[in-house]
N, C-alpha and C. Protein backbone atom coordinates (compact mmCIF):
# COMPACT_ATOMS: atom_id res chain seq x y z
N MET A 1 -17.52 -7.59 117.96
CA MET A 1 -18.61 -7.73 116.93
C MET A 1 -17.94 -7.89 115.55
N SER A 2 -18.59 -8.96 114.83
CA SER A 2 -17.51 -9.32 113.26
C SER A 2 -18.43 -8.65 112.67
N ALA A 3 -17.67 -9.10 111.23
CA ALA A 3 -18.47 -8.03 110.56
C ALA A 3 -19.89 -8.70 110.19
N SER A 4 -20.36 -9.88 110.19
CA SER A 4 -21.65 -10.30 109.57
C SER A 4 -22.75 -9.63 111.03
N ASP A 5 -21.83 -9.67 111.90
CA ASP A 5 -22.70 -9.34 113.49
C ASP A 5 -23.37 -7.44 113.13
N GLU A 6 -22.24 -7.18 112.74
CA GLU A 6 -22.88 -5.36 112.01
C GLU A 6 -23.90 -5.49 111.09
N ASP A 7 -23.75 -6.32 109.83
CA ASP A 7 -24.69 -6.42 108.83
C ASP A 7 -26.08 -6.53 109.45
N LYS A 8 -25.79 -7.38 110.26
CA LYS A 8 -27.20 -8.15 110.79
C LYS A 8 -27.92 -6.64 111.94
N VAL A 9 -27.03 -5.73 112.73
CA VAL A 9 -27.25 -4.56 113.16
C VAL A 9 -27.66 -3.28 112.67
N LYS A 10 -27.04 -3.30 111.46
CA LYS A 10 -26.94 -2.36 110.16
C LYS A 10 -28.75 -2.78 109.97
N GLY A 11 -28.60 -4.10 109.57
CA GLY A 11 -30.15 -4.24 108.59
C GLY A 11 -31.08 -4.05 109.83
N ARG A 12 -31.18 -4.71 111.00
CA ARG A 12 -32.45 -4.13 111.82
C ARG A 12 -33.16 -2.90 112.51
N LEU A 13 -31.68 -2.09 112.07
CA LEU A 13 -31.67 -0.59 113.05
C LEU A 13 -32.43 0.31 111.86
N HIS A 14 -31.40 0.36 110.56
CA HIS A 14 -31.86 1.13 109.21
C HIS A 14 -32.91 -0.08 107.95
N GLY A 15 -33.56 -0.81 108.74
CA GLY A 15 -34.11 -1.94 107.67
C GLY A 15 -35.65 -1.02 107.46
N GLU A 16 -36.69 -1.78 106.39
CA GLU A 16 -37.55 -1.14 106.02
C GLU A 16 -38.70 -1.39 107.51
N GLN A 17 -39.42 -0.13 107.19
CA GLN A 17 -40.11 0.15 108.93
C GLN A 17 -41.49 0.44 107.89
N PHE A 18 -42.55 -0.45 108.56
CA PHE A 18 -43.78 -0.59 107.96
C PHE A 18 -44.41 0.77 108.30
N GLU A 19 -45.20 1.30 107.01
CA GLU A 19 -46.16 2.46 106.88
C GLU A 19 -47.08 1.87 106.33
N PRO A 20 -48.43 2.79 107.31
CA PRO A 20 -49.94 1.64 106.90
C PRO A 20 -50.29 2.65 105.92
N GLU A 21 -50.62 2.04 104.86
CA GLU A 21 -51.72 2.19 103.62
C GLU A 21 -52.89 3.41 104.10
N THR A 22 -53.15 3.93 104.91
CA THR A 22 -54.22 5.09 105.61
C THR A 22 -53.22 5.65 106.02
N GLN A 23 -53.98 6.87 106.78
CA GLN A 23 -53.13 7.95 108.15
C GLN A 23 -54.51 7.47 108.97
N ASP A 24 -53.47 7.27 110.17
CA ASP A 24 -54.63 7.57 111.31
C ASP A 24 -54.70 8.84 111.85
N SER A 25 -55.68 9.22 112.35
CA SER A 25 -56.49 10.11 113.29
C SER A 25 -55.22 10.69 113.90
N LEU A 26 -55.23 12.28 113.98
CA LEU A 26 -54.05 12.34 115.16
C LEU A 26 -54.69 12.45 116.60
N TRP A 27 -55.44 11.60 117.20
CA TRP A 27 -55.72 11.39 118.02
C TRP A 27 -55.44 9.88 118.36
N TRP A 28 -54.87 8.77 117.34
CA TRP A 28 -54.60 8.31 117.78
C TRP A 28 -53.16 7.63 117.48
N ARG A 29 -52.70 8.83 116.62
CA ARG A 29 -51.08 9.05 116.66
C ARG A 29 -50.29 9.87 117.70
N LEU A 30 -51.19 10.00 118.80
CA LEU A 30 -50.97 10.76 120.06
C LEU A 30 -51.15 9.84 121.44
N LEU A 31 -52.56 8.67 121.23
CA LEU A 31 -51.90 7.91 121.83
C LEU A 31 -51.00 6.61 121.44
N PHE A 32 -50.73 6.42 120.43
CA PHE A 32 -49.92 5.62 120.28
C PHE A 32 -48.62 6.28 120.71
N THR A 33 -48.12 7.56 120.32
CA THR A 33 -47.15 8.10 121.15
C THR A 33 -46.59 8.25 122.46
N VAL A 34 -47.75 8.69 123.37
CA VAL A 34 -48.07 8.40 124.81
C VAL A 34 -47.13 7.31 125.01
N LEU A 35 -48.02 5.91 124.67
CA LEU A 35 -47.85 4.14 124.84
C LEU A 35 -46.42 4.27 124.45
N ILE A 36 -45.79 4.65 123.70
CA ILE A 36 -44.26 3.93 122.91
C ILE A 36 -43.51 4.93 123.60
N ALA A 37 -44.03 6.09 124.61
CA ALA A 37 -43.05 7.03 125.20
C ALA A 37 -42.97 6.16 126.72
N ILE A 38 -44.03 5.76 126.94
CA ILE A 38 -43.89 5.14 128.40
C ILE A 38 -43.18 3.52 127.85
N MET A 39 -43.06 2.91 127.03
CA MET A 39 -42.63 1.68 127.00
C MET A 39 -41.01 2.18 126.96
N ILE A 40 -40.81 3.23 125.73
CA ILE A 40 -39.43 3.39 125.70
C ILE A 40 -38.53 4.29 126.89
N ASN A 41 -39.39 4.47 128.33
CA ASN A 41 -38.97 4.72 129.60
C ASN A 41 -38.94 3.33 130.37
N LEU A 42 -39.59 2.38 130.23
CA LEU A 42 -39.41 1.13 130.35
C LEU A 42 -38.06 0.39 130.06
N ALA A 43 -38.27 0.56 128.78
CA ALA A 43 -36.99 0.15 128.12
C ALA A 43 -35.42 0.31 128.93
N GLN A 44 -35.58 1.97 128.81
CA GLN A 44 -34.39 2.12 129.31
C GLN A 44 -33.93 2.12 130.79
N THR A 45 -35.13 1.69 131.53
CA THR A 45 -34.94 1.23 133.21
C THR A 45 -34.18 -0.32 132.61
N ILE A 46 -34.93 -0.79 131.86
CA ILE A 46 -34.38 -2.58 132.28
C ILE A 46 -33.18 -2.43 131.43
N LEU A 47 -32.50 -1.41 130.49
CA LEU A 47 -31.09 -1.32 129.93
C LEU A 47 -30.16 -0.64 131.14
N ILE A 48 -30.94 -0.10 131.61
CA ILE A 48 -29.61 0.42 133.03
C ILE A 48 -29.46 -0.94 133.73
N VAL A 49 -30.45 -1.52 134.51
CA VAL A 49 -30.43 -3.34 134.91
C VAL A 49 -29.73 -3.93 134.64
N VAL A 50 -29.56 -4.21 132.89
CA VAL A 50 -28.84 -5.12 132.57
C VAL A 50 -27.38 -4.63 132.44
N THR A 51 -27.71 -3.47 132.20
CA THR A 51 -25.95 -2.86 132.22
C THR A 51 -25.31 -3.29 133.74
N VAL A 52 -25.74 -3.12 134.55
CA VAL A 52 -25.26 -2.97 136.18
C VAL A 52 -24.50 -4.36 136.19
N ILE A 53 -25.36 -5.69 136.02
CA ILE A 53 -25.90 -6.87 135.81
C ILE A 53 -24.87 -7.40 134.98
N GLN A 54 -24.51 -6.48 133.58
CA GLN A 54 -23.24 -7.35 133.03
C GLN A 54 -22.20 -6.91 133.69
N PHE A 55 -21.71 -5.67 134.44
CA PHE A 55 -20.85 -4.71 134.30
C PHE A 55 -20.09 -5.50 135.61
N ILE A 56 -21.50 -6.36 136.71
CA ILE A 56 -21.06 -7.44 137.58
C ILE A 56 -20.40 -8.66 137.33
N ILE A 57 -20.87 -9.06 136.41
CA ILE A 57 -20.79 -10.37 135.77
C ILE A 57 -19.32 -10.36 134.97
N MET A 58 -18.52 -9.16 134.45
CA MET A 58 -17.57 -8.91 134.38
C MET A 58 -16.52 -8.54 135.20
N LEU A 59 -17.09 -8.09 136.58
CA LEU A 59 -16.17 -8.09 137.31
C LEU A 59 -15.43 -9.82 137.91
N VAL A 60 -16.36 -10.44 138.01
CA VAL A 60 -16.61 -11.61 138.54
C VAL A 60 -16.29 -12.75 137.82
N SER A 61 -16.24 -12.37 136.57
CA SER A 61 -15.81 -13.35 135.29
C SER A 61 -14.44 -13.29 134.62
N ASN A 62 -13.24 -12.13 135.08
CA ASN A 62 -12.73 -11.79 134.61
C ASN A 62 -12.06 -10.97 133.27
N ARG A 63 -13.77 -9.89 133.37
CA ARG A 63 -13.61 -9.29 132.57
C ARG A 63 -14.39 -9.56 131.11
N GLN A 64 -15.05 -10.99 131.31
CA GLN A 64 -15.57 -11.72 129.82
C GLN A 64 -17.48 -11.39 130.16
N PRO A 65 -17.33 -10.76 128.69
CA PRO A 65 -18.84 -10.60 129.19
C PRO A 65 -19.84 -11.65 128.84
N ASN A 66 -21.34 -11.77 129.30
CA ASN A 66 -22.23 -12.62 129.06
C ASN A 66 -23.04 -12.20 127.94
N GLU A 67 -22.38 -13.22 126.55
CA GLU A 67 -22.70 -13.00 125.21
C GLU A 67 -24.24 -12.81 124.99
N ARG A 68 -25.27 -13.18 126.05
CA ARG A 68 -26.81 -13.81 125.56
C ARG A 68 -27.35 -11.95 126.39
N LEU A 69 -26.60 -11.60 127.65
CA LEU A 69 -26.76 -10.27 127.57
C LEU A 69 -26.66 -9.06 126.86
N ALA A 70 -25.70 -8.96 126.08
CA ALA A 70 -24.60 -8.60 125.23
C ALA A 70 -25.65 -8.45 124.24
N ASP A 71 -26.40 -9.24 123.80
CA ASP A 71 -27.28 -9.66 122.54
C ASP A 71 -28.88 -8.83 122.95
N PHE A 72 -28.75 -9.12 124.18
CA PHE A 72 -29.73 -8.20 124.27
C PHE A 72 -30.23 -6.92 124.66
N GLY A 73 -29.18 -6.67 125.04
CA GLY A 73 -28.76 -4.95 125.35
C GLY A 73 -29.04 -4.35 124.09
N THR A 74 -27.85 -5.25 122.81
CA THR A 74 -28.14 -4.85 121.24
C THR A 74 -29.53 -4.33 120.98
N ASP A 75 -30.03 -5.69 121.09
CA ASP A 75 -31.82 -5.56 120.44
C ASP A 75 -32.63 -4.48 121.32
N LEU A 76 -32.30 -4.56 122.30
CA LEU A 76 -33.27 -3.10 123.29
C LEU A 76 -32.72 -2.07 122.53
N GLY A 77 -31.67 -1.47 122.57
CA GLY A 77 -31.39 -0.84 121.95
C GLY A 77 -31.71 -0.40 120.44
N ILE A 78 -31.71 -1.24 119.63
CA ILE A 78 -32.11 -1.42 118.60
C ILE A 78 -33.76 -1.09 118.30
N TRP A 79 -34.16 -1.47 119.54
CA TRP A 79 -35.49 -1.01 119.34
C TRP A 79 -36.27 -0.11 119.89
N ILE A 80 -35.36 0.43 120.78
CA ILE A 80 -35.85 1.99 121.49
C ILE A 80 -35.66 3.04 120.50
N ALA A 81 -34.52 2.86 119.45
CA ALA A 81 -34.05 3.54 118.00
C ALA A 81 -35.47 3.62 117.72
N LYS A 82 -35.78 2.60 117.55
CA LYS A 82 -37.24 2.19 115.98
C LYS A 82 -38.17 2.73 116.70
N ALA A 83 -38.68 2.66 117.78
CA ALA A 83 -39.78 3.35 118.95
C ALA A 83 -39.65 4.88 118.46
N ALA A 84 -38.12 5.11 118.79
CA ALA A 84 -38.13 6.75 118.61
C ALA A 84 -38.17 7.26 117.03
N ARG A 85 -38.06 6.73 116.13
CA ARG A 85 -38.54 7.21 114.58
C ARG A 85 -40.06 6.90 114.54
N PHE A 86 -40.50 6.69 115.39
CA PHE A 86 -42.20 6.39 115.07
C PHE A 86 -42.40 7.65 115.13
């Protein structure tokens, strides 16, 4: 990953996070937390599938990773981190 790519990832991962002007009730917070937990589990499953596909691609193509899959995996990992921060 080049230096500019690392800056982009750091910006997306550690960038500003939306803060609402008013606080939600605890029940809404609980509902959102449960929904995000379900989405994180789904995202982890997708990440495992993408990892296996990337490994197979690297076996077939002489250790050359698929850049689009690698970028997707990076973006998905960043989303999981942001969702966990909620």
